[in-house]
Protein backbone atom coordinates (compact mmCIF):
# COMPACT_ATOMS: atom_id res chain seq x y z
CA MET A 1 3.69 -26.31 -83.36
CA LEU A 2 6.97 -24.95 -82.00
CA LYS A 3 5.38 -24.36 -78.62
CA ARG A 4 4.19 -27.95 -78.47
CA ILE A 5 7.70 -29.25 -79.26
CA ILE A 6 9.22 -27.03 -76.52
CA ALA A 7 6.67 -28.27 -74.01
CA LEU A 8 7.37 -31.88 -74.90
CA LEU A 9 11.10 -31.30 -74.54
CA PHE A 10 10.56 -29.75 -71.07
CA ILE A 11 8.43 -32.69 -69.93
CA LEU A 12 11.05 -35.11 -71.24
CA ALA A 13 13.82 -33.27 -69.38
CA VAL A 14 11.86 -33.37 -66.13
CA PHE A 15 11.17 -37.06 -66.61
CA MET A 16 14.81 -37.86 -67.25
CA MET A 17 15.86 -35.93 -64.15
CA SER A 18 13.37 -37.79 -61.99
CA CYS A 19 14.70 -41.09 -63.25
CA GLN A 20 18.25 -40.42 -62.09
CA GLU A 21 19.27 -42.36 -58.93
CA ASP A 22 19.57 -40.42 -55.75
CA PRO A 23 23.21 -39.98 -54.73
CA ILE A 24 24.37 -42.43 -52.09
CA PRO A 25 24.95 -40.50 -48.83
CA GLU A 26 28.42 -40.67 -47.36
CA VAL A 27 28.48 -42.91 -44.24
CA VAL A 28 30.79 -41.77 -41.44
CA VAL A 29 31.90 -44.67 -39.25
CA GLU A 30 32.83 -43.54 -35.73
CA GLU A 31 35.65 -45.41 -34.05
CA GLU A 32 34.46 -47.11 -30.85
CA ILE A 33 36.43 -45.91 -27.79
CA VAL A 34 37.05 -48.79 -25.44
CA GLU A 35 37.54 -47.73 -21.82
CA PRO A 36 40.30 -49.61 -20.04
CA PRO A 37 38.97 -51.66 -17.10
CA LYS A 38 38.74 -49.58 -13.90
CA GLU A 39 41.27 -50.60 -11.29
CA GLU A 40 39.74 -52.15 -8.21
CA ALA A 41 41.02 -51.86 -4.66
CA PRO A 42 42.92 -54.81 -3.14
CA GLU A 43 40.77 -57.67 -1.89
CA LEU A 44 41.44 -56.94 1.79
CA THR A 45 40.49 -53.29 1.37
CA GLN A 46 37.27 -54.32 -0.36
CA LYS A 47 36.42 -56.65 2.52
CA ILE A 48 36.96 -53.85 5.04
CA ASN A 49 34.88 -51.52 2.88
CA ASN A 50 32.12 -54.11 2.73
CA PHE A 51 32.13 -54.46 6.53
CA ILE A 52 31.79 -50.68 6.85
CA SER A 53 28.98 -50.56 4.28
CA VAL A 54 27.04 -53.45 5.84
CA ALA A 55 27.28 -52.01 9.35
CA MET A 56 26.37 -48.45 8.37
CA GLU A 57 23.40 -49.51 6.22
CA ASP A 58 22.10 -51.54 9.13
CA VAL A 59 22.24 -49.52 12.34
CA TYR A 60 23.52 -46.02 11.50
CA LEU A 61 21.10 -43.35 12.73
CA TRP A 62 21.16 -41.62 9.33
CA TYR A 63 21.38 -44.81 7.20
CA ASN A 64 18.82 -43.43 4.73
CA GLU A 65 21.15 -40.51 3.95
CA LEU A 66 24.12 -42.70 2.95
CA PRO A 67 25.58 -41.86 -0.48
CA ASP A 68 25.71 -44.56 -3.17
CA ILE A 69 29.42 -45.42 -3.41
CA ASP A 70 30.85 -48.52 -5.09
CA THR A 71 33.10 -50.09 -2.44
CA ARG A 72 35.19 -51.88 -5.08
CA TYR A 73 36.92 -48.68 -6.09
CA GLU A 74 37.65 -47.18 -2.68
CA PHE A 75 41.36 -47.64 -1.96
CA ASP A 76 41.43 -45.97 1.47
CA SER A 77 38.88 -47.42 3.90
CA LYS A 78 39.15 -44.51 6.30
CA GLU A 79 38.50 -41.99 3.54
CA TYR A 80 35.60 -44.13 2.34
CA PHE A 81 34.10 -44.12 5.85
CA ASP A 82 34.35 -40.34 6.04
CA LYS A 83 32.50 -40.04 2.71
CA LEU A 84 29.55 -41.89 4.25
CA LEU A 85 29.00 -39.60 7.23
CA TYR A 86 25.89 -37.46 7.43
CA VAL A 87 26.57 -33.73 7.32
CA GLU A 88 25.64 -33.25 11.01
CA ASP A 89 27.69 -36.23 12.19
CA LYS A 90 30.96 -35.09 13.73
CA TRP A 91 31.27 -38.07 16.04
CA SER A 92 31.22 -41.44 14.21
CA PHE A 93 34.67 -42.87 13.54
CA LEU A 94 36.61 -45.85 12.23
CA THR A 95 39.64 -47.52 13.81
CA ASP A 96 42.11 -50.19 12.77
CA ASP A 97 42.94 -50.88 16.43
CA VAL A 98 39.61 -51.59 18.10
CA GLN A 99 41.28 -53.38 21.00
CA ALA A 100 43.19 -50.24 21.98
CA LEU A 101 39.99 -48.22 21.60
CA GLU A 102 38.03 -50.54 23.90
CA ASN A 103 40.88 -50.46 26.40
CA SER A 104 40.73 -46.67 26.35
CA PHE A 105 37.00 -46.73 27.10
CA GLN A 106 37.88 -48.96 30.09
CA GLY A 107 40.55 -46.56 31.39
CA ILE A 108 43.51 -48.62 30.10
CA GLU A 109 45.88 -46.20 28.40
CA LYS A 110 49.51 -45.97 27.40
CA SER A 111 50.04 -42.47 28.63
CA TYR A 112 51.97 -40.04 30.78
CA GLY A 113 48.93 -39.59 33.01
CA TRP A 114 48.24 -35.91 32.39
CA SER A 115 45.47 -33.91 30.78
CA LEU A 116 46.55 -30.85 28.81
CA ALA A 117 45.07 -27.70 27.30
CA PHE A 118 46.85 -26.33 24.22
CA GLY A 119 47.06 -22.61 23.56
CA ARG A 120 48.52 -20.15 21.09
CA PHE A 121 49.92 -16.70 21.87
CA SER A 122 48.29 -14.09 19.64
CA ASN A 123 51.39 -11.96 19.17
CA THR A 124 53.79 -14.75 18.13
CA ASN A 125 51.58 -17.78 17.26
CA ASN A 126 53.84 -19.81 19.55
CA ILE A 127 52.08 -22.88 20.99
CA PHE A 128 52.16 -23.85 24.65
CA ALA A 129 50.47 -26.46 26.85
CA LEU A 130 48.90 -26.06 30.29
CA VAL A 131 48.42 -28.99 32.66
CA GLU A 132 44.75 -29.42 33.63
CA PHE A 133 45.20 -32.33 36.03
CA VAL A 134 47.46 -35.30 36.69
CA TYR A 135 46.52 -38.84 37.68
CA PRO A 136 48.43 -40.07 40.76
CA ASN A 137 51.21 -42.64 40.45
CA THR A 138 51.84 -41.91 36.75
CA PRO A 139 54.97 -40.76 34.88
CA ALA A 140 53.77 -37.15 35.02
CA ALA A 141 52.98 -37.30 38.73
CA ASN A 142 56.28 -39.02 39.50
CA ALA A 143 58.09 -36.27 37.55
CA GLY A 144 56.50 -33.64 39.80
CA ILE A 145 54.14 -32.26 37.16
CA LYS A 146 51.08 -30.51 38.60
CA ARG A 147 48.01 -28.56 37.57
CA GLY A 148 48.92 -25.17 36.08
CA ASP A 149 52.41 -26.15 34.86
CA ILE A 150 53.30 -24.59 31.52
CA ILE A 151 55.08 -26.56 28.78
CA VAL A 152 56.93 -24.43 26.23
CA LEU A 153 59.37 -26.86 24.59
CA MET A 154 59.28 -30.53 23.67
CA ASN A 155 62.52 -32.41 22.98
CA ASN A 156 64.32 -29.03 22.93
CA ALA A 157 62.13 -27.77 20.08
CA ASP A 158 59.13 -25.50 19.80
CA LEU A 159 55.63 -26.92 19.90
CA THR A 160 54.01 -26.76 16.46
CA ASP A 161 50.68 -27.59 14.87
CA GLU A 162 52.28 -30.75 13.52
CA ASN A 163 53.85 -32.10 16.72
CA TYR A 164 52.00 -30.78 19.78
CA ARG A 165 49.83 -33.90 20.26
CA GLU A 166 52.97 -35.98 20.73
CA LEU A 167 52.73 -34.67 24.29
CA LEU A 168 49.74 -37.03 24.58
CA ASN A 169 50.71 -40.03 22.47
CA GLY A 170 54.50 -40.06 22.18
CA GLU A 171 56.55 -42.93 23.62
CA ASN A 172 59.24 -40.77 25.21
CA LEU A 173 59.73 -37.06 25.59
CA THR A 174 61.66 -34.33 27.29
CA ILE A 175 59.76 -31.17 28.15
CA THR A 176 60.85 -27.71 29.20
CA LEU A 177 58.56 -25.98 31.65
CA GLY A 178 57.78 -22.29 31.47
CA VAL A 179 57.82 -19.79 34.31
CA LEU A 180 55.12 -17.10 34.38
CA THR A 181 56.58 -13.64 35.11
CA ASP A 182 55.23 -10.09 35.04
CA THR A 183 56.54 -9.65 31.50
CA GLY A 184 55.73 -13.03 30.01
CA ILE A 185 57.00 -16.60 30.19
CA SER A 186 60.61 -17.62 30.61
CA THR A 187 62.05 -21.13 30.33
CA GLY A 188 62.51 -23.17 33.46
CA SER A 189 63.43 -26.73 34.34
CA THR A 190 63.53 -29.75 32.03
CA VAL A 191 61.83 -33.11 32.70
CA SER A 192 62.03 -36.43 30.84
CA MET A 193 59.31 -39.11 30.85
CA THR A 194 58.43 -42.47 29.29
CA ALA A 195 54.81 -43.41 28.64
CA VAL A 196 53.54 -46.59 30.33
CA GLU A 197 50.27 -48.54 30.22
CA LEU A 198 48.04 -47.33 33.00
CA ASN A 199 44.80 -48.47 34.60
CA LEU A 200 43.11 -45.19 35.42
CA ASP A 201 40.45 -44.99 38.11
CA PRO A 202 38.30 -41.99 37.09
CA VAL A 203 37.37 -41.13 40.70
CA LEU A 204 40.36 -38.89 41.35
CA ILE A 205 39.39 -36.65 44.22
CA THR A 206 36.89 -37.26 47.02
CA LYS A 207 36.75 -34.75 49.87
CA VAL A 208 34.40 -33.01 52.27
CA ILE A 209 34.59 -29.24 52.66
CA GLU A 210 33.09 -27.67 55.77
CA HIS A 211 32.17 -24.04 55.21
CA GLU A 212 29.59 -21.72 56.76
CA GLY A 213 27.63 -24.53 58.41
CA HIS A 214 27.58 -26.70 55.28
CA LYS A 215 29.34 -30.00 54.73
CA ILE A 216 29.99 -30.05 51.01
CA GLY A 217 31.06 -33.21 49.24
CA TYR A 218 33.39 -32.67 46.26
CA LEU A 219 33.99 -35.41 43.69
CA PHE A 220 36.24 -35.08 40.64
CA TYR A 221 35.16 -37.67 38.07
CA ALA A 222 37.29 -37.93 34.93
CA GLN A 223 35.45 -40.47 32.75
CA PHE A 224 32.33 -42.67 32.82
CA ILE A 225 33.80 -46.18 33.17
CA SER A 226 31.42 -48.85 34.43
CA THR A 227 34.19 -51.12 35.72
CA TYR A 228 34.92 -48.42 38.31
CA ASN A 229 31.35 -48.05 39.57
CA SER A 230 32.59 -49.52 42.84
CA SER A 231 34.88 -46.49 43.22
CA LEU A 232 31.82 -44.27 42.95
CA ASP A 233 30.15 -46.39 45.63
CA VAL A 234 33.11 -45.89 47.98
CA ALA A 235 33.00 -42.13 47.43
CA PHE A 236 29.24 -41.89 47.95
CA GLN A 237 29.40 -44.09 51.05
CA TYR A 238 32.04 -41.75 52.47
CA PHE A 239 29.77 -38.77 51.80
CA LEU A 240 26.88 -40.50 53.55
CA GLU A 241 29.04 -41.30 56.56
CA GLN A 242 30.17 -37.67 56.70
CA GLN A 243 26.54 -36.57 56.47
CA ILE A 244 27.17 -34.03 53.74
CA THR A 245 24.55 -31.36 53.14
CA ASP A 246 25.50 -30.60 49.54
CA LEU A 247 27.33 -32.24 46.61
CA VAL A 248 29.59 -30.75 43.93
CA MET A 249 30.38 -33.05 40.99
CA ASP A 250 33.33 -31.93 38.86
CA PHE A 251 32.73 -32.92 35.21
CA ARG A 252 34.70 -30.07 33.64
CA TYR A 253 37.17 -32.43 31.88
CA ASN A 254 34.93 -35.50 31.63
CA PRO A 255 34.49 -36.49 27.92
CA GLY A 256 31.85 -39.15 28.61
CA GLY A 257 31.81 -42.92 28.41
CA TYR A 258 29.44 -45.80 29.11
CA THR A 259 25.70 -45.44 29.63
CA SER A 260 25.80 -47.99 32.45
CA ALA A 261 28.22 -45.77 34.40
CA ALA A 262 25.98 -42.72 33.90
CA GLN A 263 22.98 -44.79 34.99
CA HIS A 264 24.84 -45.91 38.13
CA LEU A 265 26.01 -42.42 39.09
CA CYS A 266 22.62 -40.79 38.53
CA SER A 267 20.79 -43.52 40.44
CA SER A 268 23.17 -43.02 43.35
CA VAL A 269 22.47 -39.29 43.76
CA ALA A 270 18.84 -38.77 42.65
CA PRO A 271 15.89 -38.52 45.09
CA VAL A 272 15.16 -41.95 46.57
CA ASN A 273 11.51 -42.03 45.52
CA VAL A 274 12.51 -41.34 41.92
CA VAL A 275 15.14 -44.08 41.99
CA ASN A 276 12.89 -46.62 43.68
CA SER A 277 10.23 -46.11 41.01
CA ASN A 278 12.79 -46.71 38.24
CA SER A 279 11.94 -43.38 36.62
CA THR A 280 13.22 -42.67 33.12
CA LEU A 281 16.66 -41.08 32.94
CA VAL A 282 16.75 -40.72 29.13
CA THR A 283 14.92 -42.15 26.13
CA PHE A 284 16.46 -43.35 22.86
CA GLN A 285 15.40 -42.61 19.28
CA TRP A 286 16.92 -45.13 16.82
CA ASN A 287 16.71 -45.15 13.04
CA ASP A 288 13.24 -46.09 11.80
CA LYS A 289 14.07 -49.80 11.33
CA TYR A 290 15.36 -50.39 14.83
CA GLN A 291 12.89 -48.05 16.49
CA ARG A 292 10.02 -49.96 14.92
CA TYR A 293 11.50 -53.34 15.89
CA TRP A 294 12.12 -52.40 19.52
CA GLU A 295 8.64 -50.89 19.86
CA ASP A 296 6.88 -53.82 18.15
CA ASN A 297 8.66 -56.26 20.48
CA ASN A 298 8.18 -54.20 23.64
CA ARG A 299 11.94 -53.91 24.18
CA SER A 300 11.91 -51.00 26.61
CA ASP A 301 15.46 -51.97 27.64
CA GLN A 302 16.58 -50.78 24.19
CA LEU A 303 14.43 -47.64 24.18
CA GLU A 304 15.36 -45.96 27.45
CA ILE A 305 17.73 -45.85 30.39
CA PRO A 306 15.86 -45.91 33.70
CA LEU A 307 17.19 -45.03 37.11
CA ILE A 308 17.82 -48.33 38.92
CA ASN A 309 16.77 -49.03 42.49
CA SER A 310 19.40 -51.78 42.87
CA VAL A 311 22.36 -49.41 43.34
CA PRO A 312 24.11 -50.07 46.67
CA ILE A 313 24.26 -46.39 47.70
CA LYS A 314 21.30 -44.01 47.52
CA MET A 315 22.17 -40.49 48.57
CA GLY A 316 18.68 -39.16 47.88
CA LEU A 317 19.73 -35.61 47.07
CA GLU A 318 17.34 -32.82 46.13
CA ARG A 319 20.03 -30.64 44.57
CA MET A 320 23.53 -30.87 43.16
CA HIS A 321 26.10 -28.51 41.65
CA VAL A 322 28.04 -29.66 38.57
CA LEU A 323 31.25 -28.00 37.38
CA THR A 324 31.40 -27.83 33.58
CA GLY A 325 33.60 -26.78 30.69
CA ALA A 326 34.19 -27.33 26.98
CA GLY A 327 35.49 -30.80 27.87
CA THR A 328 32.16 -31.79 29.47
CA ALA A 329 30.63 -34.08 26.85
CA SER A 330 28.28 -36.98 26.06
CA ALA A 331 27.63 -39.07 29.21
CA SER A 332 28.40 -36.01 31.36
CA GLU A 333 25.76 -34.03 29.49
CA LEU A 334 23.40 -37.03 29.56
CA SER A 335 23.70 -37.12 33.37
CA ILE A 336 23.07 -33.38 33.70
CA THR A 337 20.02 -33.28 31.43
CA GLY A 338 18.72 -36.65 32.66
CA LEU A 339 18.68 -35.54 36.31
CA LYS A 340 17.25 -32.05 35.80
CA PRO A 341 13.58 -33.16 35.77
CA TYR A 342 14.02 -34.74 39.21
CA MET A 343 16.36 -32.47 41.14
CA ASN A 344 17.87 -29.00 41.13
CA VAL A 345 21.06 -29.31 39.04
CA THR A 346 23.06 -26.07 38.97
CA THR A 347 25.90 -25.92 36.45
CA VAL A 348 28.94 -23.78 37.19
CA GLY A 349 31.76 -22.98 34.78
CA GLU A 350 31.76 -22.83 30.99
CA THR A 351 29.51 -24.08 28.15
CA THR A 352 29.56 -27.83 27.64
CA TYR A 353 30.63 -29.60 24.43
CA GLY A 354 27.19 -30.38 22.95
CA LYS A 355 26.70 -34.13 22.36
CA TYR A 356 23.11 -35.40 22.19
CA THR A 357 23.76 -38.69 20.42
CA ALA A 358 25.16 -42.10 21.38
CA SER A 359 27.13 -44.83 19.65
CA ILE A 360 28.08 -48.48 19.86
CA THR A 361 31.29 -50.34 19.08
CA LEU A 362 30.86 -52.68 16.10
CA LYS A 363 33.43 -55.26 15.04
CA PRO A 364 33.57 -57.75 12.14
CA GLU A 365 32.61 -60.56 14.51
CA ASP A 366 29.24 -58.85 15.07
CA PHE A 367 28.32 -59.39 11.41
CA TYR A 368 30.34 -62.38 10.24
CA SER A 369 30.21 -64.62 13.31
CA GLU A 370 29.30 -67.64 11.19
CA SER A 371 32.39 -67.20 9.00
CA PRO A 372 35.28 -66.22 11.29
CA THR A 373 37.91 -67.06 8.68
CA TYR A 374 36.42 -64.34 6.46
CA TYR A 375 37.56 -61.54 8.75
CA ASP A 376 40.65 -62.95 10.43
CA ASP A 377 42.83 -60.56 8.43
CA PHE A 378 40.91 -57.47 9.58
CA ASP A 379 39.51 -58.60 12.93
CA ASN A 380 41.01 -55.62 14.79
CA TRP A 381 39.06 -53.08 12.76
CA GLY A 382 35.99 -51.48 14.26
CA ILE A 383 33.54 -48.65 13.77
CA GLN A 384 31.84 -46.46 16.33
CA PRO A 385 28.74 -45.22 14.50
CA ILE A 386 26.12 -42.92 15.95
CA VAL A 387 23.00 -45.05 16.40
CA ILE A 388 20.65 -43.05 18.61
CA ARG A 389 19.59 -39.57 19.61
CA TYR A 390 18.72 -39.28 23.32
CA ALA A 391 16.38 -37.00 25.26
CA ASN A 392 15.54 -36.62 28.92
CA SER A 393 12.09 -37.45 30.31
CA GLN A 394 10.88 -33.99 29.32
CA GLY A 395 12.06 -34.37 25.72
CA VAL A 396 15.13 -32.11 25.94
CA THR A 397 17.56 -33.01 23.11
CA ASP A 398 19.46 -31.45 20.19
CA PHE A 399 21.68 -29.25 22.39
CA LYS A 400 24.17 -28.91 19.53
CA ASP A 401 25.84 -25.88 21.05
CA GLY A 402 26.12 -27.36 24.53
CA PHE A 403 24.54 -26.28 27.80
CA LEU A 404 25.19 -22.74 28.96
CA PRO A 405 26.25 -22.68 32.63
CA ASP A 406 23.82 -21.37 35.22
CA ILE A 407 26.78 -19.61 36.83
CA ALA A 408 29.46 -18.58 34.32
CA VAL A 409 33.04 -18.88 35.56
CA GLU A 410 36.25 -19.16 33.54
CA ASP A 411 38.51 -22.12 34.29
CA ASP A 412 41.82 -20.52 35.37
CA LEU A 413 44.71 -22.86 34.65
CA TRP A 414 47.36 -20.18 34.93
CA GLY A 415 46.76 -19.83 38.64
CA GLY A 416 47.57 -23.50 39.20
CA ILE A 417 45.14 -23.76 42.13
CA PRO A 418 44.63 -27.47 42.90
CA LEU A 419 41.31 -29.08 42.10
CA GLY A 420 39.26 -29.36 45.29
CA ASP A 421 40.74 -26.20 46.82
CA ILE A 422 37.96 -23.83 47.91
CA THR A 423 39.71 -20.92 46.18
CA GLU A 424 39.76 -22.68 42.79
CA PRO A 425 37.42 -20.44 40.74
CA LEU A 426 34.73 -22.96 39.72
CA LEU A 427 34.51 -24.68 43.09
CA LYS A 428 34.66 -21.31 44.83
CA ALA A 429 31.65 -20.09 42.83
CA ALA A 430 29.71 -23.28 43.62
CA ILE A 431 30.40 -22.99 47.37
CA GLU A 432 29.44 -19.33 47.35
CA ASP A 433 26.14 -20.22 45.66
CA ILE A 434 25.52 -23.00 48.19
CA THR A 435 26.35 -20.95 51.29
CA GLY A 436 25.40 -17.46 50.15
CA THR A 437 28.71 -16.07 51.41
CA SER A 438 31.81 -15.04 49.49
CA ILE A 439 35.23 -16.67 49.75
CA SER A 440 38.32 -14.48 49.75
CA ALA A 441 41.22 -15.71 47.63
CA LEU A 442 44.76 -14.53 47.03
CA LYS A 443 45.29 -12.92 43.65
CA LYS A 444 47.52 -14.93 41.36
CA ALA A 445 49.74 -13.67 38.57
CA LYS A 446 47.93 -13.63 35.24
CA ILE A 447 49.33 -13.84 31.75
CA GLU A 448 49.17 -10.43 30.09
CA ILE A 449 49.89 -11.67 26.55
CA PRO A 450 46.71 -12.36 24.52
CA TYR A 451 46.19 -16.06 23.78
CA THR A 452 43.58 -18.60 22.75
CA ILE A 453 43.03 -22.21 23.83
CA PHE A 454 42.48 -24.27 20.67
CA ASP A 455 42.61 -27.91 21.80
CA ARG A 456 42.74 -30.11 24.87
CA GLY A 457 42.95 -33.76 25.77
CA PHE A 458 44.43 -36.74 27.51
CA SER A 459 45.27 -39.33 24.84
CA LYS A 460 45.18 -40.11 21.11
CA PHE A 461 41.60 -41.31 21.60
CA ASP A 462 40.35 -37.93 22.85
CA ALA A 463 38.02 -37.28 19.92
CA ASN A 464 36.66 -40.81 20.25
CA LYS A 465 36.01 -40.48 23.96
CA ARG A 466 33.43 -37.75 23.43
CA GLU A 467 30.92 -40.54 23.09
CA VAL A 468 27.97 -41.87 24.96
CA VAL A 469 28.78 -45.55 24.51
CA ILE A 470 25.76 -47.85 24.75
CA ASP A 471 27.02 -50.99 26.48
CA HIS A 472 23.74 -52.87 26.76
CA LEU A 473 22.71 -53.13 23.09
CA ASP A 474 21.22 -56.46 22.01
CA LYS A 475 23.49 -57.22 19.04
CA THR A 476 21.66 -60.41 18.12
CA LEU A 477 19.46 -58.34 15.82
CA LEU A 478 22.31 -57.05 13.68
CA MET A 479 21.70 -57.82 10.00
CA LYS A 480 18.82 -60.14 10.81
């Protein structure tokens, strides 16, 4: 009986426990964190950013590699543009003064009229500048500056990493020239100059050199500017009249320029049968959208540059020597590689820059022509995006490291030998290759202190000038 009572009590206890309400769990209420609204860039900056975005998504060669960036929150348009560039693209750029840029492409520059190489002495890190060449009738020429002059001071102060390019884009300056001695460089005379706006004809030197039974035409060409094609015609006509046997083109400091100028020059020197048949100079490879459109619509004018039989002067050469250097870029390299399938092009000097792409100048008016009031507060902005990769008729392209010279010769600025002089090292080597005989030259003093050349140029647009600029693009397709 006792066992039954104990069992009943146990069952009752279990029943009572099961009937108790479950405890209410404690609810933890998290406080909602409200993010403050993200600050947006000013309206004008957003409009500029939008122009950049629209243009790059349309015609940029690597448009499908563009990062996804919200233009509303980009406060610096130039930094935003740099964020967009493909990893291999070291050439596309943005400007807030597109008029000055276009003037520069046309040879209109506010400048002193000199081209400089900048070096650094290894033992002291002191910076100096060497004059590569001087345009005639410019502030530098009028001040007596010549090739090989050494600049050691600017405005009575040392040249530094922060100020040395003021020698190219400053408004006024006073320079102290250096004198090369057996033990180093001492200071010499002082010269003051004021920069002026110049119209620079790129055909600087045209001469005929008679040596060992050869009549050798020499042409120094500083930039590919189509508005000066007539100057090329004058030079080539002179060579024809002089009945030259050989031609030396000096591109060593030529950064490039317009495709139409390269087309004109190449058509003037190539074999006549090649020119008369309008043979292909180079072909273009656009991004997939444009390439498909041009091909579907049979727009060969947008897919290649042919040699043109309408040029006024046809020299009909079978061979040509070209003087090259690190400053030989874009349209210079296009001309060299474009002509090689048709004639013997021998390069003499140093390795070229390495530019196998081309660009166009795009402005707000190209995209917002129906709403001009939209861009009137940023109408002087422009971008120069890479839009094509080019190749010659044999498919040669992607020369990222430049063209090695056929005949390697170092450009000697210290000697100060004038361009066009037969003892100038690059021209001397070309003439020796042409004639098969050596040329004796006086030995010049050489700098014994170790140094490196780290930069060179002519104006503040130097980096921008290393462009092949397509000046026959049909812009009516933009954003259509």
